[in-house]
Amino acid sequence: MSQSKRVTVSRVLTEVESKEMLNAAGIPVVETLLARNMKEAVAISREMGYPVALKLMSEDVVHKSDAGGVQLGLQNNSQVEKAYSAMMKSVRAAYPGAKIDGVSVQRMARPGVEVIVGMSKDPQFGPVLMFGLGGVMVELLKDVSFRIVPVTKFDASEMIREIKGFPMLQGFRGSKPCDLDALENLIVRVSEFVDCNPQIKELDLNPVFAYEDGVLAVDARLVIEA
């Protein structure tokens, strides 16, 4: 008798869902709320405090920035209204049949050194954690380090120091050094989070802003196995 194989179904969590789950685990993320219409977007923005960023919430739109689905540095109610309208017009033109759930609203974070913390599941070794310089640099330089979960504080320290871009975190050409202890703690916390939630298939925190006095994940993406 043939044995049927288990079919694994994956679901990509929204940015809001991902950040809620990460925040509950003690991982520092930018507060992000869902606005289902323009009125809610303005109200949430006003309550959060300007400047804010709006990002399209739709599983059908993969490259949100290319489709005009990201608006940054909005300074007042009027700018939010205009940005919301422009975003919807642009996205509907690029993806006519897309299901749009609304927009995420988050306050603009102060700039820092951009790093990435990610996780993917290896068929042989299980969850593998990645660290490197973030933003577009991760695609351009591919300067990353890896460790198998669980990751200790010692492992995290090694991961950070292994990348060629480590001088960026030490303070480069007069910039202030980043909080390496906070980065190590973030990597360990993500490792613990993944270890306690085996349903997580993929995780991306990119970018994470590394500051002189802490770290903050600006964008987050989780994929879970149903």
N, C-alpha and C. Protein backbone atom coordinates (compact mmCIF):
# COMPACT_ATOMS: atom_id res chain seq x y z
N MET A 1 0.85 -1.20 0.00
CA MET A 1 0.00 0.00 0.00
C MET A 1 0.88 1.25 0.00
N SER A 2 0.59 2.17 -0.89
CA SER A 2 1.39 3.40 -0.94
C SER A 2 1.02 4.33 0.19
N GLN A 3 2.05 4.97 0.72
CA GLN A 3 1.83 5.90 1.85
C GLN A 3 1.69 7.31 1.32
N SER A 4 0.58 7.97 1.63
CA SER A 4 0.35 9.33 1.13
C SER A 4 1.28 10.31 1.83
N LYS A 5 1.74 11.29 1.08
CA LYS A 5 2.62 12.31 1.62
C LYS A 5 1.80 13.47 2.18
N ARG A 6 2.29 14.02 3.28
CA ARG A 6 1.62 15.16 3.89
C ARG A 6 1.91 16.41 3.06
N VAL A 7 0.86 17.11 2.70
CA VAL A 7 1.01 18.34 1.93
C VAL A 7 1.05 19.53 2.90
N THR A 8 2.12 20.29 2.82
CA THR A 8 2.28 21.44 3.70
C THR A 8 1.82 22.71 2.99
N VAL A 9 0.93 23.43 3.64
CA VAL A 9 0.41 24.68 3.09
C VAL A 9 1.02 25.84 3.86
N SER A 10 1.56 26.81 3.15
CA SER A 10 2.19 27.96 3.79
C SER A 10 1.31 29.19 3.65
N ARG A 11 1.40 30.07 4.66
CA ARG A 11 0.66 31.33 4.61
C ARG A 11 1.59 32.46 4.99
N VAL A 12 1.59 33.48 4.16
CA VAL A 12 2.39 34.67 4.45
C VAL A 12 1.57 35.61 5.32
N LEU A 13 2.06 35.89 6.52
CA LEU A 13 1.36 36.82 7.41
C LEU A 13 1.50 38.24 6.88
N THR A 14 0.52 39.06 7.15
CA THR A 14 0.64 40.47 6.80
C THR A 14 1.70 41.12 7.67
N GLU A 15 2.13 42.30 7.28
CA GLU A 15 3.11 43.02 8.08
C GLU A 15 2.58 43.30 9.48
N VAL A 16 1.31 43.64 9.58
CA VAL A 16 0.70 43.91 10.88
C VAL A 16 0.68 42.65 11.73
N GLU A 17 0.25 41.53 11.15
CA GLU A 17 0.22 40.26 11.89
C GLU A 17 1.62 39.83 12.32
N SER A 18 2.58 39.98 11.42
CA SER A 18 3.96 39.59 11.72
C SER A 18 4.50 40.39 12.89
N LYS A 19 4.28 41.71 12.86
CA LYS A 19 4.83 42.56 13.92
C LYS A 19 4.12 42.33 15.25
N GLU A 20 2.85 42.03 15.21
CA GLU A 20 2.13 41.73 16.46
C GLU A 20 2.71 40.48 17.12
N MET A 21 3.00 39.46 16.32
CA MET A 21 3.56 38.21 16.83
C MET A 21 4.97 38.41 17.37
N LEU A 22 5.77 39.18 16.64
CA LEU A 22 7.14 39.45 17.06
C LEU A 22 7.17 40.32 18.32
N ASN A 23 6.32 41.32 18.37
CA ASN A 23 6.26 42.20 19.53
C ASN A 23 5.88 41.43 20.80
N ALA A 24 4.95 40.48 20.65
CA ALA A 24 4.54 39.65 21.79
C ALA A 24 5.69 38.80 22.30
N ALA A 25 6.66 38.51 21.42
CA ALA A 25 7.82 37.70 21.81
C ALA A 25 8.97 38.56 22.33
N GLY A 26 8.74 39.86 22.44
CA GLY A 26 9.76 40.75 22.98
C GLY A 26 10.79 41.21 21.97
N ILE A 27 10.49 41.07 20.69
CA ILE A 27 11.39 41.51 19.63
C ILE A 27 11.01 42.95 19.24
N PRO A 28 11.95 43.89 19.30
CA PRO A 28 11.61 45.31 19.07
C PRO A 28 11.25 45.59 17.62
N VAL A 29 10.00 45.99 17.40
CA VAL A 29 9.50 46.31 16.07
C VAL A 29 8.76 47.65 16.13
N VAL A 30 8.71 48.32 14.99
CA VAL A 30 7.95 49.56 14.89
C VAL A 30 6.46 49.24 15.00
N GLU A 31 5.75 50.00 15.84
CA GLU A 31 4.30 49.81 15.94
C GLU A 31 3.66 50.05 14.58
N THR A 32 2.85 49.10 14.14
CA THR A 32 2.22 49.17 12.82
C THR A 32 0.77 48.76 12.92
N LEU A 33 -0.13 49.61 12.41
CA LEU A 33 -1.56 49.34 12.50
C LEU A 33 -2.19 49.32 11.12
N LEU A 34 -3.28 48.58 11.00
CA LEU A 34 -3.99 48.46 9.73
C LEU A 34 -5.07 49.54 9.61
N ALA A 35 -5.07 50.24 8.49
CA ALA A 35 -6.14 51.19 8.16
C ALA A 35 -6.87 50.65 6.94
N ARG A 36 -8.18 50.46 7.04
CA ARG A 36 -8.94 49.86 5.94
C ARG A 36 -9.45 50.89 4.94
N ASN A 37 -9.32 52.16 5.30
CA ASN A 37 -9.76 53.21 4.38
C ASN A 37 -8.99 54.50 4.70
N MET A 38 -9.25 55.53 3.90
CA MET A 38 -8.52 56.78 4.07
C MET A 38 -8.78 57.42 5.42
N LYS A 39 -10.04 57.40 5.85
CA LYS A 39 -10.39 58.02 7.12
C LYS A 39 -9.61 57.38 8.28
N GLU A 40 -9.53 56.04 8.28
CA GLU A 40 -8.78 55.35 9.33
C GLU A 40 -7.29 55.67 9.23
N ALA A 41 -6.78 55.77 8.01
CA ALA A 41 -5.36 56.08 7.81
C ALA A 41 -5.01 57.44 8.42
N VAL A 42 -5.87 58.42 8.21
CA VAL A 42 -5.64 59.76 8.77
C VAL A 42 -5.73 59.72 10.29
N ALA A 43 -6.75 59.05 10.82
CA ALA A 43 -6.95 59.00 12.27
C ALA A 43 -5.77 58.31 12.97
N ILE A 44 -5.32 57.18 12.41
CA ILE A 44 -4.20 56.45 13.01
C ILE A 44 -2.93 57.28 12.92
N SER A 45 -2.71 57.92 11.79
CA SER A 45 -1.51 58.75 11.60
C SER A 45 -1.47 59.88 12.62
N ARG A 46 -2.62 60.54 12.79
CA ARG A 46 -2.69 61.66 13.74
C ARG A 46 -2.39 61.19 15.16
N GLU A 47 -2.92 60.03 15.51
CA GLU A 47 -2.73 59.51 16.87
C GLU A 47 -1.28 59.07 17.09
N MET A 48 -0.67 58.45 16.07
CA MET A 48 0.72 58.00 16.20
C MET A 48 1.67 59.18 16.29
N GLY A 49 1.40 60.21 15.52
CA GLY A 49 2.30 61.36 15.44
C GLY A 49 3.13 61.31 14.18
N TYR A 50 3.21 62.44 13.52
CA TYR A 50 3.93 62.53 12.25
C TYR A 50 5.43 62.67 12.49
N PRO A 51 6.25 62.27 11.47
CA PRO A 51 5.91 61.75 10.15
C PRO A 51 5.59 60.25 10.18
N VAL A 52 4.83 59.80 9.19
CA VAL A 52 4.43 58.40 9.12
C VAL A 52 4.71 57.83 7.73
N ALA A 53 4.62 56.51 7.65
CA ALA A 53 4.74 55.80 6.37
C ALA A 53 3.48 54.97 6.15
N LEU A 54 3.04 54.92 4.89
CA LEU A 54 1.92 54.06 4.50
C LEU A 54 2.45 52.98 3.57
N LYS A 55 1.97 51.75 3.78
CA LYS A 55 2.35 50.64 2.90
C LYS A 55 1.10 49.85 2.55
N LEU A 56 0.99 49.49 1.30
CA LEU A 56 -0.17 48.74 0.82
C LEU A 56 -0.24 47.38 1.51
N MET A 57 -1.47 46.96 1.84
CA MET A 57 -1.69 45.63 2.42
C MET A 57 -2.46 44.80 1.40
N SER A 58 -1.75 43.94 0.69
CA SER A 58 -2.37 43.07 -0.30
C SER A 58 -1.46 41.89 -0.59
N GLU A 59 -2.01 40.68 -0.48
CA GLU A 59 -1.24 39.49 -0.79
C GLU A 59 -1.02 39.35 -2.29
N ASP A 60 -1.81 40.06 -3.09
CA ASP A 60 -1.73 39.94 -4.55
C ASP A 60 -0.67 40.84 -5.17
N VAL A 61 -0.14 41.77 -4.38
CA VAL A 61 0.87 42.71 -4.89
C VAL A 61 2.21 42.37 -4.24
N VAL A 62 3.10 41.79 -5.02
CA VAL A 62 4.39 41.33 -4.49
C VAL A 62 5.36 42.49 -4.33
N HIS A 63 5.59 43.24 -5.41
CA HIS A 63 6.55 44.34 -5.36
C HIS A 63 5.80 45.65 -5.13
N LYS A 64 5.54 45.92 -3.87
CA LYS A 64 4.71 47.06 -3.50
C LYS A 64 5.34 48.40 -3.90
N SER A 65 6.64 48.53 -3.69
CA SER A 65 7.31 49.80 -4.01
C SER A 65 7.22 50.10 -5.50
N ASP A 66 7.45 49.08 -6.33
CA ASP A 66 7.40 49.28 -7.78
C ASP A 66 6.02 49.69 -8.26
N ALA A 67 5.00 49.25 -7.53
CA ALA A 67 3.62 49.57 -7.92
C ALA A 67 3.10 50.85 -7.28
N GLY A 68 3.96 51.56 -6.57
CA GLY A 68 3.54 52.80 -5.92
C GLY A 68 2.83 52.55 -4.60
N GLY A 69 3.05 51.38 -4.02
CA GLY A 69 2.35 51.01 -2.80
C GLY A 69 3.06 51.34 -1.51
N VAL A 70 4.07 52.21 -1.57
CA VAL A 70 4.79 52.64 -0.37
C VAL A 70 4.95 54.16 -0.42
N GLN A 71 4.51 54.83 0.65
CA GLN A 71 4.63 56.29 0.75
C GLN A 71 5.29 56.63 2.08
N LEU A 72 6.41 57.34 2.03
CA LEU A 72 7.22 57.59 3.22
C LEU A 72 7.24 59.08 3.59
N GLY A 73 7.51 59.34 4.87
CA GLY A 73 7.76 60.71 5.33
C GLY A 73 6.58 61.65 5.24
N LEU A 74 5.38 61.14 5.44
CA LEU A 74 4.18 61.98 5.36
C LEU A 74 4.06 62.82 6.63
N GLN A 75 3.83 64.14 6.43
CA GLN A 75 3.98 65.08 7.53
C GLN A 75 2.68 65.58 8.16
N ASN A 76 1.53 65.36 7.48
CA ASN A 76 0.28 65.88 8.03
C ASN A 76 -0.91 65.14 7.42
N ASN A 77 -2.11 65.49 7.88
CA ASN A 77 -3.33 64.81 7.42
C ASN A 77 -3.51 64.92 5.91
N SER A 78 -3.26 66.11 5.38
CA SER A 78 -3.45 66.33 3.95
C SER A 78 -2.52 65.43 3.13
N GLN A 79 -1.27 65.31 3.55
CA GLN A 79 -0.33 64.46 2.83
C GLN A 79 -0.74 62.99 2.89
N VAL A 80 -1.29 62.57 4.02
CA VAL A 80 -1.76 61.18 4.14
C VAL A 80 -2.91 60.93 3.17
N GLU A 81 -3.85 61.88 3.10
CA GLU A 81 -4.99 61.73 2.19
C GLU A 81 -4.53 61.63 0.74
N LYS A 82 -3.63 62.54 0.35
CA LYS A 82 -3.14 62.54 -1.03
C LYS A 82 -2.34 61.27 -1.33
N ALA A 83 -1.53 60.84 -0.37
CA ALA A 83 -0.71 59.65 -0.56
C ALA A 83 -1.59 58.40 -0.67
N TYR A 84 -2.63 58.34 0.15
CA TYR A 84 -3.54 57.20 0.12
C TYR A 84 -4.23 57.11 -1.25
N SER A 85 -4.73 58.24 -1.72
CA SER A 85 -5.42 58.27 -3.02
C SER A 85 -4.47 57.89 -4.15
N ALA A 86 -3.28 58.46 -4.14
CA ALA A 86 -2.30 58.17 -5.19
C ALA A 86 -1.89 56.71 -5.16
N MET A 87 -1.75 56.17 -3.97
CA MET A 87 -1.36 54.77 -3.82
C MET A 87 -2.41 53.85 -4.41
N MET A 88 -3.67 54.06 -4.07
CA MET A 88 -4.74 53.20 -4.56
C MET A 88 -4.88 53.30 -6.09
N LYS A 89 -4.74 54.51 -6.62
CA LYS A 89 -4.85 54.69 -8.07
C LYS A 89 -3.72 53.96 -8.80
N SER A 90 -2.50 54.10 -8.28
CA SER A 90 -1.34 53.48 -8.90
C SER A 90 -1.40 51.96 -8.84
N VAL A 91 -1.76 51.44 -7.67
CA VAL A 91 -1.78 49.98 -7.49
C VAL A 91 -2.90 49.34 -8.32
N ARG A 92 -4.04 49.98 -8.35
CA ARG A 92 -5.16 49.41 -9.13
C ARG A 92 -4.86 49.43 -10.64
N ALA A 93 -4.06 50.40 -11.06
CA ALA A 93 -3.66 50.43 -12.46
C ALA A 93 -2.66 49.32 -12.78
N ALA A 94 -1.76 49.06 -11.83
CA ALA A 94 -0.73 48.03 -12.04
C ALA A 94 -1.27 46.62 -11.80
N TYR A 95 -2.19 46.49 -10.84
CA TYR A 95 -2.77 45.18 -10.49
C TYR A 95 -4.29 45.33 -10.44
N PRO A 96 -4.95 45.33 -11.58
CA PRO A 96 -6.39 45.59 -11.64
C PRO A 96 -7.24 44.63 -10.80
N GLY A 97 -6.82 43.38 -10.70
CA GLY A 97 -7.64 42.41 -9.98
C GLY A 97 -7.21 42.14 -8.56
N ALA A 98 -6.28 42.93 -8.05
CA ALA A 98 -5.74 42.67 -6.71
C ALA A 98 -6.76 42.94 -5.61
N LYS A 99 -6.76 42.08 -4.61
CA LYS A 99 -7.58 42.30 -3.41
C LYS A 99 -6.77 43.16 -2.45
N ILE A 100 -7.27 44.34 -2.14
CA ILE A 100 -6.56 45.27 -1.28
C ILE A 100 -7.26 45.33 0.08
N ASP A 101 -6.50 45.04 1.13
CA ASP A 101 -7.05 45.02 2.49
C ASP A 101 -6.98 46.37 3.18
N GLY A 102 -6.21 47.28 2.60
CA GLY A 102 -6.02 48.60 3.21
C GLY A 102 -4.56 48.97 3.16
N VAL A 103 -4.12 49.74 4.15
CA VAL A 103 -2.71 50.12 4.25
C VAL A 103 -2.24 49.94 5.69
N SER A 104 -0.96 49.66 5.84
CA SER A 104 -0.37 49.68 7.17
C SER A 104 0.15 51.09 7.43
N VAL A 105 0.02 51.53 8.67
CA VAL A 105 0.49 52.85 9.07
C VAL A 105 1.52 52.68 10.17
N GLN A 106 2.67 53.29 9.98
CA GLN A 106 3.68 53.24 11.03
C GLN A 106 4.43 54.56 11.08
N ARG A 107 4.88 54.92 12.26
CA ARG A 107 5.64 56.16 12.39
C ARG A 107 7.03 55.96 11.81
N MET A 108 7.55 56.97 11.14
CA MET A 108 8.88 56.89 10.57
C MET A 108 9.91 56.75 11.70
N ALA A 109 10.78 55.77 11.56
CA ALA A 109 11.83 55.55 12.55
C ALA A 109 13.06 56.39 12.21
N ARG A 110 13.79 56.80 13.24
CA ARG A 110 15.03 57.54 12.98
C ARG A 110 16.02 56.61 12.29
N PRO A 111 16.80 57.13 11.35
CA PRO A 111 17.72 56.29 10.59
C PRO A 111 18.80 55.67 11.47
N GLY A 112 19.28 54.52 11.05
CA GLY A 112 20.38 53.83 11.71
C GLY A 112 21.11 52.98 10.68
N VAL A 113 22.09 52.21 11.12
CA VAL A 113 22.76 51.28 10.22
C VAL A 113 21.79 50.13 9.94
N GLU A 114 21.56 49.83 8.66
CA GLU A 114 20.57 48.83 8.29
C GLU A 114 21.19 47.43 8.29
N VAL A 115 20.59 46.52 9.07
CA VAL A 115 21.02 45.12 9.08
C VAL A 115 19.80 44.24 8.84
N ILE A 116 20.06 42.97 8.58
CA ILE A 116 18.99 42.00 8.37
C ILE A 116 19.19 40.81 9.29
N VAL A 117 18.09 40.33 9.84
CA VAL A 117 18.06 39.06 10.57
C VAL A 117 16.99 38.21 9.91
N GLY A 118 17.38 37.04 9.44
CA GLY A 118 16.43 36.19 8.73
C GLY A 118 16.53 34.75 9.18
N MET A 119 15.53 33.96 8.80
CA MET A 119 15.52 32.54 9.10
C MET A 119 14.84 31.80 7.97
N SER A 120 15.42 30.66 7.59
CA SER A 120 14.77 29.75 6.66
C SER A 120 15.04 28.33 7.14
N LYS A 121 14.20 27.40 6.71
CA LYS A 121 14.33 26.02 7.16
C LYS A 121 15.10 25.20 6.14
N ASP A 122 16.19 24.62 6.58
CA ASP A 122 16.97 23.72 5.75
C ASP A 122 16.41 22.30 5.90
N PRO A 123 16.25 21.56 4.80
CA PRO A 123 15.67 20.20 4.88
C PRO A 123 16.44 19.26 5.81
N GLN A 124 17.76 19.49 5.92
CA GLN A 124 18.58 18.61 6.74
C GLN A 124 18.81 19.15 8.15
N PHE A 125 19.09 20.44 8.26
CA PHE A 125 19.49 21.00 9.54
C PHE A 125 18.37 21.71 10.29
N GLY A 126 17.24 21.96 9.64
CA GLY A 126 16.15 22.68 10.28
C GLY A 126 16.35 24.17 10.19
N PRO A 127 15.83 24.94 11.16
CA PRO A 127 15.91 26.40 11.10
C PRO A 127 17.35 26.90 11.11
N VAL A 128 17.66 27.78 10.17
CA VAL A 128 19.00 28.37 10.06
C VAL A 128 18.84 29.89 10.11
N LEU A 129 19.59 30.53 11.00
CA LEU A 129 19.51 31.98 11.17
C LEU A 129 20.57 32.67 10.32
N MET A 130 20.22 33.84 9.79
CA MET A 130 21.13 34.63 8.96
C MET A 130 21.23 36.04 9.52
N PHE A 131 22.44 36.61 9.42
CA PHE A 131 22.66 38.01 9.82
C PHE A 131 23.55 38.67 8.78
N GLY A 132 23.28 39.94 8.49
CA GLY A 132 24.14 40.68 7.56
C GLY A 132 23.72 42.13 7.48
N LEU A 133 24.39 42.89 6.63
CA LEU A 133 23.97 44.25 6.37
C LEU A 133 22.63 44.21 5.64
N GLY A 134 21.73 45.12 5.95
CA GLY A 134 20.37 45.03 5.44
C GLY A 134 20.07 45.99 4.30
N GLY A 135 18.77 46.19 4.06
CA GLY A 135 18.34 47.03 2.96
C GLY A 135 18.72 46.40 1.64
N VAL A 136 19.09 47.23 0.67
CA VAL A 136 19.51 46.72 -0.64
C VAL A 136 20.89 46.09 -0.58
N MET A 137 21.64 46.37 0.49
CA MET A 137 23.00 45.85 0.59
C MET A 137 23.04 44.33 0.66
N VAL A 138 22.03 43.72 1.25
CA VAL A 138 22.03 42.26 1.37
C VAL A 138 21.96 41.61 -0.01
N GLU A 139 21.23 42.22 -0.94
CA GLU A 139 21.14 41.68 -2.29
C GLU A 139 22.39 42.01 -3.10
N LEU A 140 22.96 43.18 -2.86
CA LEU A 140 24.10 43.64 -3.63
C LEU A 140 25.40 42.93 -3.21
N LEU A 141 25.64 42.87 -1.90
CA LEU A 141 26.91 42.35 -1.40
C LEU A 141 26.84 40.89 -0.96
N LYS A 142 25.63 40.45 -0.57
CA LYS A 142 25.48 39.08 -0.04
C LYS A 142 26.49 38.81 1.07
N ASP A 143 26.67 39.80 1.92
CA ASP A 143 27.62 39.73 3.03
C ASP A 143 26.87 39.28 4.28
N VAL A 144 26.74 37.97 4.44
CA VAL A 144 25.92 37.42 5.53
C VAL A 144 26.64 36.27 6.23
N SER A 145 26.18 35.96 7.43
CA SER A 145 26.68 34.82 8.19
C SER A 145 25.49 33.96 8.62
N PHE A 146 25.75 32.70 8.91
CA PHE A 146 24.68 31.75 9.23
C PHE A 146 25.02 30.93 10.48
N ARG A 147 23.97 30.53 11.21
CA ARG A 147 24.10 29.59 12.31
C ARG A 147 22.82 28.75 12.39
N ILE A 148 22.96 27.52 12.84
CA ILE A 148 21.81 26.66 13.05
C ILE A 148 21.17 27.00 14.40
N VAL A 149 19.85 27.07 14.44
CA VAL A 149 19.10 27.33 15.67
C VAL A 149 19.17 26.09 16.57
N PRO A 150 19.34 26.24 17.91
CA PRO A 150 19.36 27.49 18.68
C PRO A 150 20.71 28.19 18.63
N VAL A 151 20.67 29.52 18.74
CA VAL A 151 21.85 30.36 18.68
C VAL A 151 22.11 30.96 20.05
N THR A 152 23.33 30.84 20.55
CA THR A 152 23.71 31.41 21.84
C THR A 152 24.21 32.84 21.67
N LYS A 153 24.43 33.50 22.79
CA LYS A 153 24.97 34.87 22.75
C LYS A 153 26.37 34.86 22.12
N PHE A 154 27.14 33.83 22.41
CA PHE A 154 28.48 33.71 21.81
C PHE A 154 28.37 33.55 20.30
N ASP A 155 27.43 32.69 19.87
CA ASP A 155 27.21 32.50 18.43
C ASP A 155 26.82 33.81 17.76
N ALA A 156 25.92 34.54 18.42
CA ALA A 156 25.45 35.81 17.85
C ALA A 156 26.60 36.80 17.70
N SER A 157 27.47 36.84 18.71
CA SER A 157 28.63 37.73 18.65
C SER A 157 29.53 37.36 17.47
N GLU A 158 29.73 36.08 17.25
CA GLU A 158 30.54 35.63 16.11
C GLU A 158 29.89 35.98 14.78
N MET A 159 28.56 35.78 14.69
CA MET A 159 27.84 36.09 13.45
C MET A 159 28.03 37.54 13.04
N ILE A 160 27.93 38.43 14.02
CA ILE A 160 28.06 39.86 13.75
C ILE A 160 29.47 40.20 13.27
N ARG A 161 30.45 39.60 13.90
CA ARG A 161 31.85 39.93 13.59
C ARG A 161 32.39 39.22 12.36
N GLU A 162 31.66 38.23 11.86
CA GLU A 162 32.11 37.49 10.68
C GLU A 162 31.88 38.25 9.37
N ILE A 163 30.90 39.13 9.33
CA ILE A 163 30.59 39.78 8.06
C ILE A 163 31.66 40.82 7.72
N LYS A 164 31.89 41.02 6.44
CA LYS A 164 32.91 41.97 5.98
C LYS A 164 32.51 43.41 6.33
N GLY A 165 31.21 43.63 6.47
CA GLY A 165 30.73 44.97 6.79
C GLY A 165 30.75 45.30 8.26
N PHE A 166 31.39 44.49 9.09
CA PHE A 166 31.41 44.72 10.53
C PHE A 166 31.92 46.11 10.90
N PRO A 167 32.93 46.67 10.18
CA PRO A 167 33.36 48.03 10.53
C PRO A 167 32.24 49.07 10.50
N MET A 168 31.20 48.84 9.66
CA MET A 168 30.05 49.75 9.64
C MET A 168 29.37 49.80 11.00
N LEU A 169 29.41 48.69 11.73
CA LEU A 169 28.75 48.62 13.03
C LEU A 169 29.65 49.14 14.15
N GLN A 170 30.94 49.21 13.89
CA GLN A 170 31.88 49.68 14.91
C GLN A 170 31.98 51.20 14.95
N GLY A 171 31.44 51.83 13.90
CA GLY A 171 31.60 53.27 13.78
C GLY A 171 32.56 53.55 12.65
N PHE A 172 32.04 54.00 11.52
CA PHE A 172 32.84 54.13 10.30
C PHE A 172 32.91 55.59 9.88
N ARG A 173 34.13 56.10 9.73
CA ARG A 173 34.36 57.48 9.30
C ARG A 173 33.59 58.49 10.14
N GLY A 174 33.74 58.37 11.43
CA GLY A 174 33.16 59.35 12.33
C GLY A 174 31.76 59.03 12.82
N SER A 175 31.11 58.00 12.25
CA SER A 175 29.77 57.63 12.74
C SER A 175 29.87 56.95 14.10
N LYS A 176 28.82 57.00 14.85
CA LYS A 176 28.83 56.41 16.19
C LYS A 176 28.72 54.89 16.10
N PRO A 177 29.41 54.16 16.98
CA PRO A 177 29.32 52.70 16.96
C PRO A 177 27.93 52.23 17.36
N CYS A 178 27.51 51.12 16.77
CA CYS A 178 26.19 50.56 17.08
C CYS A 178 26.23 49.77 18.39
N ASP A 179 25.08 49.56 18.95
CA ASP A 179 24.92 48.81 20.19
C ASP A 179 25.02 47.32 19.87
N LEU A 180 26.23 46.78 19.94
CA LEU A 180 26.46 45.38 19.57
C LEU A 180 25.77 44.42 20.53
N ASP A 181 25.67 44.81 21.78
CA ASP A 181 24.99 43.97 22.76
C ASP A 181 23.51 43.83 22.41
N ALA A 182 22.89 44.93 21.97
CA ALA A 182 21.48 44.88 21.57
C ALA A 182 21.30 44.03 20.32
N LEU A 183 22.26 44.09 19.39
CA LEU A 183 22.20 43.24 18.20
C LEU A 183 22.31 41.77 18.56
N GLU A 184 23.24 41.46 19.46
CA GLU A 184 23.40 40.07 19.90
C GLU A 184 22.11 39.58 20.56
N ASN A 185 21.54 40.41 21.42
CA ASN A 185 20.30 40.03 22.10
C ASN A 185 19.16 39.81 21.11
N LEU A 186 19.12 40.64 20.06
CA LEU A 186 18.08 40.49 19.03
C LEU A 186 18.22 39.14 18.34
N ILE A 187 19.42 38.78 17.95
CA ILE A 187 19.65 37.51 17.26
C ILE A 187 19.25 36.34 18.15
N VAL A 188 19.62 36.40 19.42
CA VAL A 188 19.26 35.33 20.37
C VAL A 188 17.75 35.27 20.56
N ARG A 189 17.11 36.44 20.67
CA ARG A 189 15.66 36.48 20.86
C ARG A 189 14.93 35.90 19.65
N VAL A 190 15.41 36.21 18.45
CA VAL A 190 14.81 35.65 17.24
C VAL A 190 15.00 34.13 17.21
N SER A 191 16.18 33.67 17.62
CA SER A 191 16.45 32.22 17.68
C SER A 191 15.47 31.54 18.63
N GLU A 192 15.26 32.13 19.80
CA GLU A 192 14.33 31.57 20.78
C GLU A 192 12.90 31.57 20.25
N PHE A 193 12.54 32.65 19.56
CA PHE A 193 11.21 32.78 18.98
C PHE A 193 10.96 31.68 17.95
N VAL A 194 11.93 31.46 17.08
CA VAL A 194 11.82 30.42 16.06
C VAL A 194 11.76 29.03 16.70
N ASP A 195 12.60 28.83 17.70
CA ASP A 195 12.67 27.52 18.37
C ASP A 195 11.35 27.18 19.06
N CYS A 196 10.67 28.20 19.58
CA CYS A 196 9.40 27.98 20.30
C CYS A 196 8.19 27.96 19.36
N ASN A 197 8.40 28.31 18.10
CA ASN A 197 7.30 28.35 17.14
C ASN A 197 7.68 27.57 15.88
N PRO A 198 7.66 26.24 15.96
CA PRO A 198 8.12 25.41 14.83
C PRO A 198 7.28 25.57 13.58
N GLN A 199 6.11 26.22 13.69
CA GLN A 199 5.27 26.44 12.51
C GLN A 199 5.83 27.53 11.60
N ILE A 200 6.81 28.28 12.09
CA ILE A 200 7.37 29.35 11.27
C ILE A 200 8.33 28.75 10.23
N LYS A 201 8.04 29.04 8.98
CA LYS A 201 8.84 28.50 7.87
C LYS A 201 9.92 29.49 7.43
N GLU A 202 9.56 30.76 7.40
CA GLU A 202 10.51 31.80 7.01
C GLU A 202 10.30 33.03 7.88
N LEU A 203 11.38 33.79 8.07
CA LEU A 203 11.32 35.03 8.84
C LEU A 203 12.30 36.01 8.23
N ASP A 204 11.86 37.25 8.06
CA ASP A 204 12.73 38.30 7.56
C ASP A 204 12.49 39.58 8.35
N LEU A 205 13.52 40.08 8.97
CA LEU A 205 13.50 41.42 9.57
C LEU A 205 14.48 42.25 8.76
N ASN A 206 13.96 43.09 7.87
CA ASN A 206 14.81 43.85 6.96
C ASN A 206 14.09 45.09 6.44
N PRO A 207 14.58 46.28 6.79
CA PRO A 207 15.78 46.45 7.60
C PRO A 207 15.48 46.49 9.10
N VAL A 208 16.52 46.16 9.85
CA VAL A 208 16.57 46.47 11.28
C VAL A 208 17.52 47.66 11.41
N PHE A 209 17.07 48.71 12.07
CA PHE A 209 17.96 49.86 12.31
C PHE A 209 18.77 49.60 13.57
N ALA A 210 20.08 49.61 13.41
CA ALA A 210 20.99 49.45 14.56
C ALA A 210 21.43 50.84 15.00
N TYR A 211 21.17 51.16 16.26
CA TYR A 211 21.49 52.47 16.81
C TYR A 211 22.64 52.37 17.82
N GLU A 212 23.04 53.53 18.29
CA GLU A 212 24.03 53.59 19.37
C GLU A 212 23.42 53.05 20.67
N ASP A 213 22.09 53.11 20.75
CA ASP A 213 21.42 52.76 22.00
C ASP A 213 20.27 51.77 21.78
N GLY A 214 20.44 50.77 20.94
CA GLY A 214 19.39 49.78 20.75
C GLY A 214 19.21 49.41 19.29
N VAL A 215 18.15 48.64 19.03
CA VAL A 215 17.82 48.21 17.66
C VAL A 215 16.31 48.29 17.48
N LEU A 216 15.88 48.37 16.21
CA LEU A 216 14.45 48.45 15.92
C LEU A 216 14.19 47.87 14.53
N ALA A 217 13.33 46.86 14.46
CA ALA A 217 12.95 46.27 13.18
C ALA A 217 11.86 47.13 12.54
N VAL A 218 12.14 47.61 11.32
CA VAL A 218 11.20 48.48 10.63
C VAL A 218 10.23 47.66 9.77
N ASP A 219 10.75 46.66 9.07
CA ASP A 219 9.92 45.78 8.23
C ASP A 219 10.06 44.35 8.72
N ALA A 220 8.95 43.61 8.67
CA ALA A 220 8.96 42.23 9.13
C ALA A 220 8.07 41.37 8.26
N ARG A 221 8.50 40.15 8.04
CA ARG A 221 7.72 39.20 7.22
C ARG A 221 7.85 37.81 7.81
N LEU A 222 6.72 37.17 8.05
CA LEU A 222 6.70 35.80 8.56
C LEU A 222 5.90 34.92 7.61
N VAL A 223 6.39 33.72 7.38
CA VAL A 223 5.66 32.69 6.64
C VAL A 223 5.47 31.51 7.58
N ILE A 224 4.24 31.07 7.75
CA ILE A 224 3.97 29.96 8.65
C ILE A 224 3.41 28.77 7.87
N GLU A 225 3.65 27.58 8.41
CA GLU A 225 3.13 26.36 7.82
C GLU A 225 1.82 26.01 8.50
N ALA A 226 0.78 25.87 7.71
CA ALA A 226 -0.55 25.58 8.27
C ALA A 226 -0.63 24.10 8.66
